[in-house]
Amino acid sequence: MSLFKKLMASVGIGAAQVDARLQKDTLLPGEIVSGEVYIKGGDVSQTIDDIYMYVVTHYERETNDKTIKEEYILAKHQLAEKFGLCPREEKVIPFTFQLPYETPLTMGRQPVYLRTGLDIRNAVDPGDSDFIEVRPHPLMEKVLQALQLLGFQLCKVDCEYNRLLGRSHPFVQTFQFRPTDEYRNRVEELELVFYLKEHELEVLLELDKRARGYFGGLGLYEALNLDERYARLCLSEAERNCSVEECAAQMEELIRQRIR
């Protein structure tokens, strides 16, 4: 019977179970994630080589004229080292780690989840996934509110493959806006990318002007020079308390410079 149980446990039947319980599941990029992992032994004794937790998301990539979704691991954290687990034994392991600043916001249908797993040699590794909500950092929220104040409506949020702009990761999260007021006749679309750090937010902004001849009114040099396509705005942590109106004034100056 013992041999049979070991065989069954090796394929996941009657094996150890894992359940991660988060202190909270709504977080900001860069915020501390904390909780406890509950482990319950199965029908036989097993050796747990490792307990890990991945921060996982998805991004889209164009290949062979098709759009595919690729899973991407933003971070991996080891929660415990090797230990033995007796039949029906229960263990609780607390954990704390920082959510990466590059974690995408869960706006639209963008998923972010924490995958917990036990590493058991010669057996199917039991796992658990917990979806989290990632809300905008206060500096991000200020920029989004400022654009709304200027008459830009958020219409699409995507995570897409981009090695050039992705920096430390192979993708970026883009936020696309449509003008609704005074810029409607001069701007087709506004797109921005956030780069959040511990004490700073960098905003990369691109305007798609309404066509005015070749290159949508851009000069040949500007159209071919990638650096000329983007405007940058940096907000420090000290500007966290500035008003939305002050942020909107900075954004408006950038926009006016690009459409002159």
Protein backbone atom coordinates (compact mmCIF):
# COMPACT_ATOMS: atom_id res chain seq x y z
CA MET A 1 0.00 0.00 0.00
CA SER A 2 2.83 2.38 0.88
CA LEU A 3 4.50 1.83 -2.51
CA PHE A 4 1.17 2.36 -4.26
CA LYS A 5 0.61 5.61 -2.37
CA LYS A 6 4.07 6.84 -3.28
CA LEU A 7 3.37 6.05 -6.93
CA MET A 8 0.06 7.91 -6.79
CA ALA A 9 1.67 10.89 -5.03
CA SER A 10 4.33 11.07 -7.76
CA VAL A 11 1.61 11.86 -10.30
CA GLY A 12 -0.15 14.31 -8.00
CA ILE A 13 -2.80 12.08 -6.44
CA GLY A 14 -2.72 12.14 -2.66
CA ALA A 15 0.33 14.45 -2.72
CA ALA A 16 1.07 17.63 -0.76
CA GLN A 17 -1.11 20.68 -1.40
CA VAL A 18 -0.18 24.36 -1.37
CA ASP A 19 -2.31 27.46 -0.89
CA ALA A 20 -0.97 31.03 -0.81
CA ARG A 21 -3.02 33.56 1.12
CA LEU A 22 -2.23 37.20 0.52
CA GLN A 23 -2.59 39.92 3.12
CA LYS A 24 -4.14 42.00 0.35
CA ASP A 25 -4.60 41.45 -3.38
CA THR A 26 -4.77 45.09 -4.52
CA LEU A 27 -1.31 46.59 -4.82
CA LEU A 28 0.77 49.35 -6.39
CA PRO A 29 3.95 48.74 -8.41
CA GLY A 30 6.86 48.70 -5.98
CA GLU A 31 4.63 47.90 -2.99
CA ILE A 32 5.40 45.13 -0.51
CA VAL A 33 3.59 41.82 -1.07
CA SER A 34 3.03 39.82 2.10
CA GLY A 35 1.08 36.78 3.19
CA GLU A 36 1.41 33.14 4.17
CA VAL A 37 1.79 29.88 2.29
CA TYR A 38 -0.22 27.00 3.74
CA ILE A 39 1.15 23.54 2.98
CA LYS A 40 -0.66 20.32 3.80
CA GLY A 41 0.99 16.92 3.53
CA GLY A 42 -0.57 14.16 1.46
CA ASP A 43 -0.84 10.41 2.01
CA VAL A 44 2.94 9.84 2.17
CA SER A 45 6.02 11.62 3.44
CA GLN A 46 7.60 13.90 0.84
CA THR A 47 10.69 16.06 0.68
CA ILE A 48 10.09 19.63 -0.44
CA ASP A 49 13.23 20.85 -2.20
CA ASP A 50 12.06 24.41 -2.64
CA ILE A 51 9.07 26.74 -2.31
CA TYR A 52 8.95 29.51 -4.87
CA MET A 53 6.65 32.34 -5.90
CA TYR A 54 6.64 33.86 -9.38
CA VAL A 55 5.22 37.24 -10.38
CA VAL A 56 3.70 36.52 -13.79
CA THR A 57 2.04 38.51 -16.57
CA HIS A 58 1.35 38.23 -20.32
CA TYR A 59 2.23 40.30 -23.37
CA GLU A 60 1.26 40.15 -27.04
CA ARG A 61 3.65 39.49 -29.89
CA GLU A 62 3.20 39.55 -33.65
CA THR A 63 4.57 36.49 -35.43
CA ASN A 64 3.74 35.07 -38.86
CA ASP A 65 0.91 37.57 -39.27
CA LYS A 66 -0.67 36.34 -36.05
CA THR A 67 -0.95 37.86 -32.59
CA ILE A 68 0.04 35.47 -29.84
CA LYS A 69 0.11 35.85 -26.07
CA GLU A 70 3.29 34.97 -24.25
CA GLU A 71 3.62 34.39 -20.54
CA TYR A 72 6.41 36.31 -18.84
CA ILE A 73 7.93 35.95 -15.38
CA LEU A 74 8.73 39.35 -13.91
CA ALA A 75 10.34 38.01 -10.73
CA LYS A 76 10.98 34.78 -8.82
CA HIS A 77 11.29 34.54 -5.05
CA GLN A 78 12.43 31.58 -2.98
CA LEU A 79 10.27 31.32 0.12
CA ALA A 80 11.85 28.34 1.91
CA GLU A 81 14.68 25.84 1.66
CA LYS A 82 14.54 22.04 1.65
CA PHE A 83 12.46 20.34 4.35
CA GLY A 84 10.53 17.13 4.97
CA LEU A 85 6.74 16.94 5.12
CA CYS A 86 5.02 14.07 6.96
CA PRO A 87 1.62 12.65 5.95
CA ARG A 88 -1.16 15.15 6.74
CA GLU A 89 1.33 17.52 8.34
CA GLU A 90 0.52 21.23 8.04
CA LYS A 91 3.04 24.04 7.74
CA VAL A 92 2.58 27.79 7.45
CA ILE A 93 5.38 29.84 5.89
CA PRO A 94 5.14 33.65 5.92
CA PHE A 95 6.55 35.64 3.00
CA THR A 96 7.34 39.25 2.15
CA PHE A 97 8.81 40.69 -1.04
CA GLN A 98 8.56 43.78 -3.21
CA LEU A 99 6.38 43.84 -6.30
CA PRO A 100 8.59 44.96 -9.22
CA TYR A 101 8.23 48.60 -10.23
CA GLU A 102 7.86 47.36 -13.83
CA THR A 103 4.73 45.35 -13.01
CA PRO A 104 1.97 46.22 -15.53
CA LEU A 105 -1.23 47.78 -14.31
CA THR A 106 -4.21 45.44 -14.47
CA MET A 107 -6.25 47.78 -16.62
CA GLY A 108 -8.38 46.38 -19.40
CA ARG A 109 -7.79 42.64 -19.51
CA GLN A 110 -4.15 42.67 -18.47
CA PRO A 111 -3.50 39.81 -16.00
CA VAL A 112 -0.93 39.78 -13.22
CA TYR A 113 -0.78 36.83 -10.85
CA LEU A 114 1.40 35.19 -8.25
CA ARG A 115 2.19 31.55 -8.89
CA THR A 116 3.26 29.51 -5.88
CA GLY A 117 4.79 26.08 -6.24
CA LEU A 118 6.48 23.29 -4.32
CA ASP A 119 9.52 21.69 -5.93
CA ILE A 120 9.30 17.93 -5.27
CA ARG A 121 11.82 15.64 -6.95
CA ASN A 122 10.38 12.87 -9.13
CA ALA A 123 6.84 14.14 -8.67
CA VAL A 124 4.36 16.54 -10.20
CA ASP A 125 4.93 19.89 -8.48
CA PRO A 126 1.75 21.15 -6.77
CA GLY A 127 1.00 24.82 -7.40
CA ASP A 128 -1.40 27.65 -6.72
CA SER A 129 -2.09 30.88 -8.66
CA ASP A 130 -3.55 34.07 -7.20
CA PHE A 131 -4.55 36.97 -9.41
CA ILE A 132 -3.85 40.43 -8.05
CA GLU A 133 -5.07 43.90 -8.97
CA VAL A 134 -2.26 46.35 -9.73
CA ARG A 135 -3.43 49.94 -9.51
CA PRO A 136 -1.58 53.07 -10.72
CA HIS A 137 1.13 54.57 -8.54
CA PRO A 138 0.08 58.09 -7.35
CA LEU A 139 2.42 59.71 -9.90
CA MET A 140 0.91 57.58 -12.68
CA GLU A 141 -2.58 58.45 -11.49
CA LYS A 142 -1.69 62.14 -11.62
CA VAL A 143 -0.56 61.87 -15.25
CA LEU A 144 -3.71 59.96 -16.23
CA GLN A 145 -5.91 62.57 -14.54
CA ALA A 146 -3.94 65.39 -16.16
CA LEU A 147 -4.52 63.98 -19.65
CA GLN A 148 -8.21 63.61 -18.90
CA LEU A 149 -8.26 67.25 -17.81
CA LEU A 150 -6.70 68.19 -21.17
CA GLY A 151 -9.48 66.36 -23.03
CA PHE A 152 -7.78 63.03 -23.79
CA GLN A 153 -9.81 59.88 -23.26
CA LEU A 154 -8.11 56.57 -22.50
CA CYS A 155 -9.22 54.09 -25.15
CA LYS A 156 -6.79 51.17 -25.02
CA VAL A 157 -4.18 49.60 -22.74
CA ASP A 158 -1.84 46.91 -24.10
CA CYS A 159 1.27 44.99 -23.14
CA GLU A 160 3.15 44.42 -26.35
CA TYR A 161 6.54 43.07 -27.41
CA ASN A 162 9.08 45.86 -27.82
CA ARG A 163 12.77 45.21 -27.23
CA LEU A 164 13.68 48.83 -27.93
CA LEU A 165 11.39 50.46 -25.40
CA GLY A 166 11.07 47.55 -22.97
CA ARG A 167 14.48 48.20 -21.41
CA SER A 168 14.88 45.45 -18.77
CA HIS A 169 11.95 43.41 -20.13
CA PRO A 170 10.95 42.40 -23.69
CA PHE A 171 7.66 44.33 -23.62
CA VAL A 172 6.08 47.64 -22.64
CA GLN A 173 2.64 48.57 -21.44
CA THR A 174 1.20 51.28 -23.67
CA PHE A 175 -1.68 53.63 -22.90
CA GLN A 176 -3.53 55.03 -25.91
CA PHE A 177 -5.68 58.15 -25.75
CA ARG A 178 -8.04 59.88 -28.18
CA PRO A 179 -8.51 63.68 -28.08
CA THR A 180 -12.05 64.88 -27.44
CA ASP A 181 -11.68 68.66 -27.24
CA GLU A 182 -9.34 71.31 -28.66
CA TYR A 183 -6.74 68.83 -29.96
CA ARG A 184 -9.25 66.78 -31.94
CA ASN A 185 -8.37 68.44 -35.26
CA ARG A 186 -4.61 68.24 -34.78
CA VAL A 187 -3.95 64.95 -33.01
CA GLU A 188 -5.11 61.52 -34.10
CA GLU A 189 -3.84 59.66 -31.05
CA LEU A 190 -1.62 60.08 -28.03
CA GLU A 191 0.31 57.13 -26.64
CA LEU A 192 2.43 56.95 -23.51
CA VAL A 193 4.62 54.51 -21.62
CA PHE A 194 5.44 54.66 -17.91
CA TYR A 195 8.88 53.87 -16.46
CA LEU A 196 8.50 53.82 -12.69
CA LYS A 197 11.49 53.80 -10.33
CA GLU A 198 11.77 54.10 -6.57
CA HIS A 199 11.79 57.90 -6.49
CA GLU A 200 10.86 58.89 -10.03
CA LEU A 201 8.39 58.35 -12.84
CA GLU A 202 9.53 58.81 -16.42
CA VAL A 203 6.78 59.28 -18.99
CA LEU A 204 7.48 58.60 -22.66
CA LEU A 205 4.92 60.29 -24.87
CA GLU A 206 4.25 59.96 -28.60
CA LEU A 207 1.76 61.92 -30.68
CA ASP A 208 0.22 60.71 -33.91
CA LYS A 209 -0.67 63.92 -35.75
CA ARG A 210 -3.48 64.09 -38.26
CA ALA A 211 -2.05 63.70 -41.76
CA ARG A 212 -0.74 66.83 -43.42
CA GLY A 213 1.06 65.49 -46.46
CA TYR A 214 3.87 62.97 -46.30
CA PHE A 215 4.87 61.63 -42.88
CA GLY A 216 1.78 63.24 -41.34
CA GLY A 217 3.38 66.70 -41.50
CA LEU A 218 6.75 65.57 -40.07
CA GLY A 219 9.99 66.43 -41.76
CA LEU A 220 11.98 63.60 -43.32
CA TYR A 221 14.74 63.74 -40.68
CA GLU A 222 12.23 63.76 -37.82
CA ALA A 223 10.27 60.88 -39.31
CA LEU A 224 13.38 58.70 -39.59
CA ASN A 225 14.93 59.61 -36.24
CA LEU A 226 13.30 57.55 -33.49
CA ASP A 227 14.44 59.94 -30.76
CA GLU A 228 12.45 62.70 -32.40
CA ARG A 229 9.24 60.70 -32.11
CA TYR A 230 9.08 60.79 -28.33
CA ALA A 231 8.78 63.46 -25.68
CA ARG A 232 9.86 62.77 -22.12
CA LEU A 233 8.57 64.01 -18.80
CA CYS A 234 10.14 63.10 -15.45
CA LEU A 235 8.23 63.47 -12.20
CA SER A 236 10.07 63.07 -8.92
CA GLU A 237 8.62 61.77 -5.68
CA ALA A 238 8.65 65.38 -4.46
CA GLU A 239 6.04 66.20 -7.12
CA ARG A 240 3.66 63.61 -5.70
CA ASN A 241 1.82 66.41 -3.91
CA CYS A 242 1.59 68.75 -6.88
CA SER A 243 -1.89 69.44 -8.22
CA VAL A 244 -3.40 67.73 -11.25
CA GLU A 245 -3.59 71.17 -12.85
CA GLU A 246 0.17 71.67 -12.46
CA CYS A 247 0.85 68.27 -14.00
CA ALA A 248 -1.59 69.06 -16.82
CA ALA A 249 0.33 72.28 -17.56
CA GLN A 250 3.56 70.30 -17.98
CA MET A 251 1.85 67.76 -20.22
CA GLU A 252 0.22 70.50 -22.30
CA GLU A 253 3.58 72.20 -22.89
CA LEU A 254 5.01 68.92 -24.19
CA ILE A 255 2.02 68.37 -26.47
CA ARG A 256 2.17 71.91 -27.88
CA GLN A 257 5.88 71.51 -28.61
CA ARG A 258 5.17 68.36 -30.62
CA ILE A 259 2.36 69.82 -32.76
CA ARG A 260 3.92 73.15 -33.66
